[in-house]
Amino acid sequence: MKASSGPNSFRNGPFRGVDIMSFRRTRDILDKLQEFHRSLEDFYGRLASEMHLEKVRMLLEYMSTHERHLQEALEEYEEETANCILDTWFSFPPDLEQQGVMNELNINPDMTVFDVIDVVLKFDDLLVAYYRKLAEEAASEEVRELFT
């Protein structure tokens, strides 16, 4: 019997039925989190340009800048973290389920400061829950500390 080779050969072998993309390194998760913060930066920036109230526009511009700083902080943290931690694998890392939050949002040009704060808190709650799940599923204490 000839062994199969090629990019999809795992489907016929011991990985049958297993989503190979479910396995991710800590480094990959940090990269996804940076991408998430970049997306929020863009999202808040676009919202700011559509708002009628100056206070709301200023808050969204601030949040856009804040998200850029978070993304940059994660990038710096990744550069300073030991490879042995960054290369630790998660078997089935949780998904960052932002689509559910996006579906709940009521975005309009007449939003108030309190409406914007509600949006920001929904994304913060999403991230806190995600970090908590990552910490629970971490393979080592060092990786767990990274997400707490």
N, C-alpha and C. Protein backbone atom coordinates (compact mmCIF):
# COMPACT_ATOMS: atom_id res chain seq x y z
N MET A 1 0.84 -1.18 0.00
CA MET A 1 0.00 0.00 0.00
C MET A 1 0.88 1.24 0.00
N LYS A 2 0.65 2.11 -0.93
CA LYS A 2 1.47 3.30 -1.09
C LYS A 2 0.95 4.41 -0.17
N ALA A 3 1.87 5.05 0.57
CA ALA A 3 1.49 6.17 1.45
C ALA A 3 1.18 7.38 0.58
N SER A 4 0.11 8.06 0.96
CA SER A 4 -0.25 9.26 0.20
C SER A 4 0.60 10.43 0.66
N SER A 5 0.80 11.35 -0.26
CA SER A 5 1.55 12.54 0.09
C SER A 5 0.83 13.73 -0.52
N GLY A 6 1.27 14.91 -0.16
CA GLY A 6 0.64 16.11 -0.66
C GLY A 6 -0.09 16.84 0.45
N PRO A 7 -0.58 18.02 0.15
CA PRO A 7 -1.14 18.88 1.17
C PRO A 7 -2.39 18.33 1.84
N ASN A 8 -3.15 17.47 1.18
CA ASN A 8 -4.38 16.97 1.77
C ASN A 8 -4.28 15.52 2.24
N SER A 9 -3.09 14.97 2.29
CA SER A 9 -2.94 13.56 2.65
C SER A 9 -3.37 13.28 4.08
N PHE A 10 -3.38 14.28 4.95
CA PHE A 10 -3.78 14.05 6.34
C PHE A 10 -5.23 13.61 6.42
N ARG A 11 -6.04 13.90 5.43
CA ARG A 11 -7.45 13.52 5.45
C ARG A 11 -7.61 12.00 5.44
N ASN A 12 -6.62 11.30 4.89
CA ASN A 12 -6.69 9.85 4.81
C ASN A 12 -5.88 9.16 5.91
N GLY A 13 -5.26 9.94 6.77
CA GLY A 13 -4.41 9.37 7.79
C GLY A 13 -4.97 9.56 9.18
N PRO A 14 -4.10 9.64 10.17
CA PRO A 14 -4.54 9.71 11.57
C PRO A 14 -5.27 10.99 11.91
N PHE A 15 -5.21 12.02 11.06
CA PHE A 15 -5.89 13.27 11.36
C PHE A 15 -7.28 13.35 10.74
N ARG A 16 -7.80 12.23 10.27
CA ARG A 16 -9.12 12.22 9.64
C ARG A 16 -10.14 12.83 10.60
N GLY A 17 -10.88 13.82 10.12
CA GLY A 17 -11.92 14.43 10.92
C GLY A 17 -11.44 15.50 11.88
N VAL A 18 -10.14 15.74 11.91
CA VAL A 18 -9.59 16.76 12.81
C VAL A 18 -9.26 18.00 12.00
N ASP A 19 -9.75 19.14 12.44
CA ASP A 19 -9.43 20.40 11.77
C ASP A 19 -8.01 20.78 12.16
N ILE A 20 -7.10 20.64 11.22
CA ILE A 20 -5.69 20.91 11.50
C ILE A 20 -5.47 22.36 11.90
N MET A 21 -6.34 23.27 11.46
CA MET A 21 -6.21 24.67 11.82
C MET A 21 -6.60 24.92 13.28
N SER A 22 -7.13 23.90 13.94
CA SER A 22 -7.48 24.05 15.35
C SER A 22 -6.25 24.13 16.23
N PHE A 23 -5.12 23.68 15.73
CA PHE A 23 -3.90 23.72 16.49
C PHE A 23 -3.17 25.03 16.18
N ARG A 24 -2.93 25.83 17.23
CA ARG A 24 -2.27 27.12 17.01
C ARG A 24 -1.23 27.37 18.08
N ARG A 25 -0.18 28.03 17.67
CA ARG A 25 0.85 28.43 18.63
C ARG A 25 0.40 29.72 19.33
N THR A 26 0.97 29.96 20.48
CA THR A 26 0.70 31.18 21.22
C THR A 26 1.02 32.39 20.34
N ARG A 27 2.08 32.31 19.59
CA ARG A 27 2.49 33.38 18.67
C ARG A 27 1.36 33.70 17.68
N ASP A 28 0.72 32.66 17.14
CA ASP A 28 -0.37 32.85 16.17
C ASP A 28 -1.57 33.54 16.82
N ILE A 29 -1.84 33.18 18.06
CA ILE A 29 -2.95 33.79 18.79
C ILE A 29 -2.66 35.27 19.04
N LEU A 30 -1.44 35.58 19.43
CA LEU A 30 -1.07 36.99 19.63
C LEU A 30 -1.17 37.78 18.32
N ASP A 31 -0.80 37.14 17.22
CA ASP A 31 -0.93 37.80 15.91
C ASP A 31 -2.40 38.09 15.60
N LYS A 32 -3.27 37.13 15.89
CA LYS A 32 -4.71 37.32 15.66
C LYS A 32 -5.26 38.44 16.55
N LEU A 33 -4.78 38.51 17.77
CA LEU A 33 -5.22 39.58 18.67
C LEU A 33 -4.76 40.94 18.16
N GLN A 34 -3.55 41.00 17.62
CA GLN A 34 -3.08 42.26 17.03
C GLN A 34 -3.97 42.65 15.85
N GLU A 35 -4.31 41.67 15.04
CA GLU A 35 -5.19 41.92 13.89
C GLU A 35 -6.57 42.42 14.37
N PHE A 36 -7.06 41.83 15.44
CA PHE A 36 -8.35 42.24 16.01
C PHE A 36 -8.29 43.71 16.45
N HIS A 37 -7.23 44.09 17.14
CA HIS A 37 -7.09 45.48 17.60
C HIS A 37 -6.94 46.44 16.41
N ARG A 38 -6.24 46.02 15.36
CA ARG A 38 -6.15 46.85 14.16
C ARG A 38 -7.53 47.04 13.53
N SER A 39 -8.33 45.97 13.52
CA SER A 39 -9.68 46.05 12.97
C SER A 39 -10.55 46.99 13.80
N LEU A 40 -10.42 46.91 15.12
CA LEU A 40 -11.19 47.82 15.97
C LEU A 40 -10.73 49.26 15.77
N GLU A 41 -9.44 49.46 15.60
CA GLU A 41 -8.93 50.81 15.32
C GLU A 41 -9.60 51.37 14.08
N ASP A 42 -9.63 50.58 13.01
CA ASP A 42 -10.27 51.02 11.76
C ASP A 42 -11.77 51.23 11.94
N PHE A 43 -12.41 50.31 12.65
CA PHE A 43 -13.85 50.39 12.90
C PHE A 43 -14.20 51.68 13.62
N TYR A 44 -13.49 51.97 14.72
CA TYR A 44 -13.77 53.19 15.47
C TYR A 44 -13.46 54.43 14.65
N GLY A 45 -12.41 54.38 13.85
CA GLY A 45 -12.07 55.52 12.99
C GLY A 45 -13.14 55.80 11.95
N ARG A 46 -13.66 54.72 11.32
CA ARG A 46 -14.74 54.90 10.34
C ARG A 46 -15.99 55.45 11.01
N LEU A 47 -16.32 54.91 12.20
CA LEU A 47 -17.49 55.41 12.92
C LEU A 47 -17.34 56.89 13.25
N ALA A 48 -16.16 57.28 13.68
CA ALA A 48 -15.93 58.69 14.05
C ALA A 48 -16.25 59.61 12.88
N SER A 49 -15.88 59.21 11.69
CA SER A 49 -16.11 60.08 10.53
C SER A 49 -17.59 60.19 10.16
N GLU A 50 -18.42 59.30 10.68
CA GLU A 50 -19.85 59.30 10.35
C GLU A 50 -20.73 59.95 11.41
N MET A 51 -20.16 60.29 12.56
CA MET A 51 -20.97 60.79 13.67
C MET A 51 -21.31 62.27 13.55
N HIS A 52 -22.49 62.63 14.03
CA HIS A 52 -22.95 64.01 13.99
C HIS A 52 -22.47 64.81 15.20
N LEU A 53 -22.42 64.19 16.38
CA LEU A 53 -22.05 64.90 17.60
C LEU A 53 -20.53 64.93 17.78
N GLU A 54 -19.99 66.11 18.03
CA GLU A 54 -18.54 66.29 18.19
C GLU A 54 -17.99 65.44 19.33
N LYS A 55 -18.69 65.38 20.47
CA LYS A 55 -18.21 64.59 21.63
C LYS A 55 -18.10 63.12 21.27
N VAL A 56 -19.05 62.64 20.51
CA VAL A 56 -19.04 61.23 20.10
C VAL A 56 -17.87 60.99 19.14
N ARG A 57 -17.68 61.91 18.22
CA ARG A 57 -16.57 61.80 17.27
C ARG A 57 -15.23 61.77 18.01
N MET A 58 -15.08 62.65 18.99
CA MET A 58 -13.83 62.70 19.77
C MET A 58 -13.60 61.40 20.54
N LEU A 59 -14.66 60.84 21.14
CA LEU A 59 -14.53 59.59 21.88
C LEU A 59 -14.11 58.46 20.94
N LEU A 60 -14.72 58.39 19.78
CA LEU A 60 -14.37 57.33 18.82
C LEU A 60 -12.95 57.50 18.29
N GLU A 61 -12.52 58.72 18.08
CA GLU A 61 -11.13 58.96 17.66
C GLU A 61 -10.16 58.51 18.76
N TYR A 62 -10.52 58.81 20.01
CA TYR A 62 -9.71 58.36 21.14
C TYR A 62 -9.64 56.84 21.18
N MET A 63 -10.80 56.18 20.99
CA MET A 63 -10.83 54.72 21.04
C MET A 63 -10.02 54.12 19.89
N SER A 64 -10.05 54.76 18.74
CA SER A 64 -9.26 54.29 17.61
C SER A 64 -7.77 54.34 17.95
N THR A 65 -7.34 55.44 18.54
CA THR A 65 -5.93 55.58 18.96
C THR A 65 -5.59 54.58 20.05
N HIS A 66 -6.50 54.38 20.98
CA HIS A 66 -6.30 53.42 22.07
C HIS A 66 -6.10 52.00 21.52
N GLU A 67 -6.89 51.62 20.54
CA GLU A 67 -6.76 50.29 19.94
C GLU A 67 -5.42 50.15 19.22
N ARG A 68 -4.95 51.21 18.57
CA ARG A 68 -3.63 51.16 17.93
C ARG A 68 -2.55 50.94 18.98
N HIS A 69 -2.67 51.61 20.13
CA HIS A 69 -1.67 51.43 21.20
C HIS A 69 -1.71 50.01 21.75
N LEU A 70 -2.90 49.42 21.87
CA LEU A 70 -3.00 48.03 22.34
C LEU A 70 -2.35 47.08 21.35
N GLN A 71 -2.57 47.31 20.07
CA GLN A 71 -1.97 46.47 19.04
C GLN A 71 -0.44 46.58 19.10
N GLU A 72 0.05 47.80 19.25
CA GLU A 72 1.50 48.02 19.32
C GLU A 72 2.08 47.39 20.58
N ALA A 73 1.35 47.45 21.69
CA ALA A 73 1.82 46.84 22.94
C ALA A 73 1.92 45.32 22.79
N LEU A 74 0.93 44.71 22.14
CA LEU A 74 0.99 43.27 21.90
C LEU A 74 2.16 42.91 20.99
N GLU A 75 2.40 43.74 20.00
CA GLU A 75 3.52 43.51 19.10
C GLU A 75 4.85 43.56 19.86
N GLU A 76 5.02 44.57 20.70
CA GLU A 76 6.24 44.69 21.51
C GLU A 76 6.36 43.52 22.48
N TYR A 77 5.25 43.14 23.09
CA TYR A 77 5.27 42.03 24.03
C TYR A 77 5.71 40.75 23.33
N GLU A 78 5.21 40.54 22.13
CA GLU A 78 5.58 39.35 21.37
C GLU A 78 7.07 39.36 21.04
N GLU A 79 7.60 40.53 20.71
CA GLU A 79 9.03 40.63 20.40
C GLU A 79 9.90 40.34 21.61
N GLU A 80 9.40 40.65 22.80
CA GLU A 80 10.18 40.49 24.03
C GLU A 80 9.97 39.15 24.74
N THR A 81 9.01 38.37 24.28
CA THR A 81 8.67 37.11 24.94
C THR A 81 9.54 35.98 24.38
N ALA A 82 9.94 35.09 25.24
CA ALA A 82 10.80 33.97 24.85
C ALA A 82 10.09 33.07 23.83
N ASN A 83 10.87 32.57 22.87
CA ASN A 83 10.33 31.70 21.84
C ASN A 83 9.69 30.44 22.41
N CYS A 84 10.22 29.94 23.51
CA CYS A 84 9.65 28.72 24.09
C CYS A 84 8.20 28.95 24.54
N ILE A 85 7.86 30.16 24.93
CA ILE A 85 6.48 30.49 25.29
C ILE A 85 5.67 30.73 24.02
N LEU A 86 6.22 31.49 23.09
CA LEU A 86 5.49 31.81 21.86
C LEU A 86 5.23 30.58 21.00
N ASP A 87 6.09 29.58 21.10
CA ASP A 87 5.93 28.37 20.29
C ASP A 87 5.15 27.27 21.01
N THR A 88 4.57 27.58 22.15
CA THR A 88 3.71 26.62 22.85
C THR A 88 2.39 26.50 22.08
N TRP A 89 1.95 25.24 21.92
CA TRP A 89 0.76 24.98 21.12
C TRP A 89 -0.49 24.90 21.98
N PHE A 90 -1.58 25.40 21.42
CA PHE A 90 -2.92 25.21 21.96
C PHE A 90 -3.58 24.17 21.05
N SER A 91 -4.13 23.11 21.64
CA SER A 91 -4.79 22.08 20.83
C SER A 91 -6.04 22.62 20.15
N PHE A 92 -6.91 23.22 20.90
CA PHE A 92 -8.15 23.76 20.36
C PHE A 92 -8.42 25.12 20.99
N PRO A 93 -7.70 26.15 20.52
CA PRO A 93 -7.89 27.48 21.11
C PRO A 93 -9.31 27.98 20.86
N PRO A 94 -9.86 28.75 21.78
CA PRO A 94 -11.21 29.28 21.56
C PRO A 94 -11.20 30.27 20.40
N ASP A 95 -12.35 30.42 19.79
CA ASP A 95 -12.49 31.42 18.72
C ASP A 95 -12.81 32.76 19.34
N LEU A 96 -12.37 33.80 18.68
CA LEU A 96 -12.72 35.16 19.08
C LEU A 96 -14.00 35.49 18.33
N GLU A 97 -15.12 35.32 18.98
CA GLU A 97 -16.44 35.39 18.36
C GLU A 97 -16.96 36.82 18.26
N GLN A 98 -16.32 37.65 17.45
CA GLN A 98 -16.75 39.03 17.35
C GLN A 98 -18.00 39.21 16.51
N GLN A 99 -18.34 38.24 15.68
CA GLN A 99 -19.51 38.41 14.82
C GLN A 99 -20.80 38.55 15.63
N GLY A 100 -20.91 37.82 16.73
CA GLY A 100 -22.08 37.95 17.58
C GLY A 100 -22.23 39.35 18.13
N VAL A 101 -21.12 39.95 18.56
CA VAL A 101 -21.14 41.32 19.06
C VAL A 101 -21.52 42.27 17.94
N MET A 102 -20.94 42.08 16.76
CA MET A 102 -21.24 42.96 15.63
C MET A 102 -22.73 42.93 15.29
N ASN A 103 -23.34 41.76 15.38
CA ASN A 103 -24.77 41.64 15.06
C ASN A 103 -25.65 42.35 16.08
N GLU A 104 -25.16 42.52 17.30
CA GLU A 104 -25.94 43.18 18.35
C GLU A 104 -25.87 44.70 18.29
N LEU A 105 -24.91 45.24 17.56
CA LEU A 105 -24.68 46.68 17.58
C LEU A 105 -25.75 47.43 16.81
N ASN A 106 -26.13 48.57 17.36
CA ASN A 106 -27.06 49.47 16.69
C ASN A 106 -26.28 50.74 16.37
N ILE A 107 -25.67 50.76 15.20
CA ILE A 107 -24.80 51.87 14.81
C ILE A 107 -25.61 52.86 13.97
N ASN A 108 -25.53 54.12 14.36
CA ASN A 108 -26.17 55.17 13.58
C ASN A 108 -25.45 56.49 13.84
N PRO A 109 -25.58 57.46 12.94
CA PRO A 109 -24.83 58.72 13.06
C PRO A 109 -25.26 59.58 14.24
N ASP A 110 -26.37 59.25 14.88
CA ASP A 110 -26.86 60.03 16.01
C ASP A 110 -26.55 59.38 17.36
N MET A 111 -25.58 58.50 17.38
CA MET A 111 -25.22 57.82 18.63
C MET A 111 -24.79 58.84 19.68
N THR A 112 -25.06 58.49 20.93
CA THR A 112 -24.62 59.32 22.05
C THR A 112 -23.31 58.76 22.59
N VAL A 113 -22.70 59.50 23.49
CA VAL A 113 -21.49 59.02 24.17
C VAL A 113 -21.79 57.70 24.88
N PHE A 114 -22.96 57.59 25.49
CA PHE A 114 -23.32 56.37 26.21
C PHE A 114 -23.50 55.19 25.26
N ASP A 115 -24.01 55.44 24.07
CA ASP A 115 -24.12 54.38 23.05
C ASP A 115 -22.74 53.87 22.67
N VAL A 116 -21.79 54.78 22.50
CA VAL A 116 -20.43 54.39 22.13
C VAL A 116 -19.78 53.61 23.27
N ILE A 117 -19.98 54.06 24.49
CA ILE A 117 -19.43 53.35 25.64
C ILE A 117 -19.98 51.93 25.69
N ASP A 118 -21.26 51.76 25.38
CA ASP A 118 -21.86 50.43 25.34
C ASP A 118 -21.17 49.55 24.30
N VAL A 119 -20.89 50.10 23.12
CA VAL A 119 -20.19 49.35 22.07
C VAL A 119 -18.80 48.94 22.54
N VAL A 120 -18.07 49.89 23.12
CA VAL A 120 -16.71 49.63 23.59
C VAL A 120 -16.72 48.54 24.66
N LEU A 121 -17.67 48.62 25.58
CA LEU A 121 -17.75 47.62 26.66
C LEU A 121 -18.08 46.23 26.12
N LYS A 122 -18.88 46.15 25.08
CA LYS A 122 -19.18 44.84 24.48
C LYS A 122 -17.91 44.20 23.92
N PHE A 123 -17.09 44.99 23.24
CA PHE A 123 -15.84 44.45 22.72
C PHE A 123 -14.86 44.12 23.85
N ASP A 124 -14.83 44.95 24.89
CA ASP A 124 -13.98 44.65 26.05
C ASP A 124 -14.40 43.35 26.71
N ASP A 125 -15.70 43.15 26.90
CA ASP A 125 -16.20 41.92 27.50
C ASP A 125 -15.81 40.70 26.66
N LEU A 126 -15.89 40.85 25.34
CA LEU A 126 -15.51 39.78 24.43
C LEU A 126 -14.04 39.42 24.63
N LEU A 127 -13.18 40.43 24.70
CA LEU A 127 -11.74 40.18 24.87
C LEU A 127 -11.42 39.59 26.24
N VAL A 128 -12.06 40.07 27.28
CA VAL A 128 -11.83 39.53 28.63
C VAL A 128 -12.20 38.04 28.66
N ALA A 129 -13.34 37.69 28.09
CA ALA A 129 -13.76 36.29 28.05
C ALA A 129 -12.77 35.45 27.23
N TYR A 130 -12.28 35.99 26.13
CA TYR A 130 -11.32 35.28 25.29
C TYR A 130 -10.01 35.03 26.04
N TYR A 131 -9.48 36.07 26.68
CA TYR A 131 -8.25 35.91 27.46
C TYR A 131 -8.44 34.89 28.58
N ARG A 132 -9.58 34.92 29.22
CA ARG A 132 -9.88 33.98 30.31
C ARG A 132 -9.87 32.54 29.78
N LYS A 133 -10.50 32.31 28.63
CA LYS A 133 -10.52 30.96 28.04
C LYS A 133 -9.11 30.52 27.66
N LEU A 134 -8.34 31.44 27.09
CA LEU A 134 -6.96 31.10 26.73
C LEU A 134 -6.15 30.71 27.97
N ALA A 135 -6.31 31.46 29.04
CA ALA A 135 -5.59 31.15 30.28
C ALA A 135 -6.00 29.78 30.81
N GLU A 136 -7.28 29.46 30.74
CA GLU A 136 -7.77 28.16 31.22
C GLU A 136 -7.21 27.01 30.41
N GLU A 137 -7.01 27.22 29.12
CA GLU A 137 -6.57 26.14 28.23
C GLU A 137 -5.06 26.12 28.00
N ALA A 138 -4.33 27.02 28.64
CA ALA A 138 -2.89 27.10 28.43
C ALA A 138 -2.19 25.82 28.89
N ALA A 139 -1.17 25.43 28.15
CA ALA A 139 -0.44 24.19 28.43
C ALA A 139 0.60 24.36 29.53
N SER A 140 0.97 25.60 29.85
CA SER A 140 1.99 25.82 30.88
C SER A 140 1.64 27.05 31.70
N GLU A 141 2.26 27.14 32.85
CA GLU A 141 2.03 28.30 33.73
C GLU A 141 2.52 29.59 33.07
N GLU A 142 3.63 29.51 32.32
CA GLU A 142 4.15 30.71 31.67
C GLU A 142 3.17 31.26 30.63
N VAL A 143 2.55 30.37 29.87
CA VAL A 143 1.57 30.79 28.88
C VAL A 143 0.31 31.30 29.57
N ARG A 144 -0.08 30.63 30.64
CA ARG A 144 -1.26 31.06 31.41
C ARG A 144 -1.06 32.49 31.93
N GLU A 145 0.13 32.79 32.42
CA GLU A 145 0.43 34.13 32.93
C GLU A 145 0.36 35.18 31.81
N LEU A 146 0.70 34.77 30.61
CA LEU A 146 0.64 35.67 29.47
C LEU A 146 -0.77 36.20 29.25
N PHE A 147 -1.77 35.37 29.50
CA PHE A 147 -3.15 35.74 29.22
C PHE A 147 -3.95 36.14 30.45
N THR A 148 -3.29 36.31 31.58
CA THR A 148 -4.02 36.76 32.78
C THR A 148 -3.58 38.14 33.19
